[in-house]
């Protein structure tokens, strides 16, 4: 994972107060995959996350780090091919 990807992961960990182990980082290929992992981590912490709000926050982080419009980011967006995350 390159610098953009690492920054996105660190911001998500900070925003949601979760840890994404390195082996999980390699499991997500799309924004939807990342969303599902964040939801699962929040549920493990005993929270009942609002799925739409979590997606909005993830989208905001990706948008800010990559300097792209949030509208370009869909759950089906692939990190490398569609968003250019290195």
Protein backbone atom coordinates (compact mmCIF):
# COMPACT_ATOMS: atom_id res chain seq x y z
CA UNK A 1 0.00 0.00 0.00
CA UNK A 2 1.37 3.40 -0.96
CA UNK A 3 1.31 6.71 0.85
CA UNK A 4 -2.25 7.66 -0.16
CA UNK A 5 -3.59 4.30 0.94
CA UNK A 6 -1.71 4.44 4.23
CA UNK A 7 -3.00 7.96 4.91
CA UNK A 8 -6.58 6.89 4.20
CA UNK A 9 -6.25 3.90 6.55
CA UNK A 10 -4.72 6.04 9.32
CA UNK A 11 -7.48 8.65 9.03
CA UNK A 12 -10.18 5.98 9.08
CA UNK A 13 -8.61 4.40 12.16
CA UNK A 14 -8.54 7.81 13.87
CA UNK A 15 -12.06 8.81 12.78
CA UNK A 16 -13.69 5.57 13.93
CA UNK A 17 -11.25 4.70 16.75
CA UNK A 18 -10.56 1.25 15.30
CA UNK A 19 -7.48 -0.67 14.19
CA UNK A 20 -7.18 -2.20 10.74
CA UNK A 21 -4.45 -4.85 10.91
CA UNK A 22 -2.19 -5.12 7.87
CA UNK A 23 -3.73 -8.43 6.80
CA UNK A 24 -7.17 -6.78 6.60
CA UNK A 25 -5.85 -3.89 4.53
CA UNK A 26 -5.01 -6.31 1.73
CA UNK A 27 -8.56 -7.72 1.81
CA UNK A 28 -10.32 -4.61 0.61
CA UNK A 29 -10.27 -3.94 -3.10
CA UNK A 30 -13.28 -1.62 -3.26
CA UNK A 31 -14.67 1.17 -1.14
CA UNK A 32 -17.55 -1.18 -0.32
CA UNK A 33 -15.09 -3.75 1.06
CA UNK A 34 -13.52 -1.08 3.25
CA UNK A 35 -16.99 0.06 4.39
CA UNK A 36 -17.93 -3.49 5.41
CA UNK A 37 -14.72 -3.94 7.39
CA UNK A 38 -15.24 -0.64 9.24
CA UNK A 39 -18.86 -1.60 10.04
CA UNK A 40 -17.70 -5.00 11.34
CA UNK A 41 -15.04 -3.38 13.54
CA UNK A 42 -17.59 -0.94 14.98
CA UNK A 43 -20.01 -3.77 15.73
CA UNK A 44 -17.17 -5.68 17.45
CA UNK A 45 -16.80 -2.62 19.70
CA UNK A 46 -20.46 -2.93 20.66
CA UNK A 47 -21.67 -0.03 18.53
CA UNK A 48 -24.69 0.07 16.25
CA UNK A 49 -23.27 2.10 13.37
CA UNK A 50 -25.38 4.04 10.91
CA UNK A 51 -24.20 2.48 7.64
CA UNK A 52 -24.93 5.59 5.57
CA UNK A 53 -23.08 7.87 7.99
CA UNK A 54 -20.07 5.56 8.06
CA UNK A 55 -20.00 5.56 4.25
CA UNK A 56 -20.24 9.37 4.16
CA UNK A 57 -17.29 9.67 6.53
CA UNK A 58 -15.20 7.17 4.56
CA UNK A 59 -16.06 8.99 1.34
CA UNK A 60 -15.08 12.31 2.90
CA UNK A 61 -11.70 10.95 3.96
CA UNK A 62 -10.97 9.44 0.54
CA UNK A 63 -12.14 12.62 -1.19
CA UNK A 64 -9.92 14.82 0.97
CA UNK A 65 -6.80 12.64 0.71
CA UNK A 66 -7.07 12.11 -3.06
CA UNK A 67 -8.49 15.56 -3.82
CA UNK A 68 -11.40 14.15 -5.83
CA UNK A 69 -15.10 14.90 -5.78
CA UNK A 70 -17.03 12.72 -3.31
CA UNK A 71 -19.56 11.98 -6.06
CA UNK A 72 -16.87 9.96 -7.85
CA UNK A 73 -16.64 7.56 -4.93
CA UNK A 74 -19.05 4.64 -5.00
CA UNK A 75 -19.10 1.41 -3.01
CA UNK A 76 -18.10 -0.36 -6.22
CA UNK A 77 -15.12 1.97 -6.79
CA UNK A 78 -11.91 -0.02 -6.92
CA UNK A 79 -9.09 1.58 -4.98
CA UNK A 80 -6.37 1.35 -7.61
CA UNK A 81 -8.21 1.12 -10.93
CA UNK A 82 -10.98 3.67 -10.33
CA UNK A 83 -9.58 6.00 -7.68
CA UNK A 84 -5.85 5.75 -8.31
CA UNK A 85 -4.94 4.97 -4.71
CA UNK A 86 -1.33 3.87 -4.63
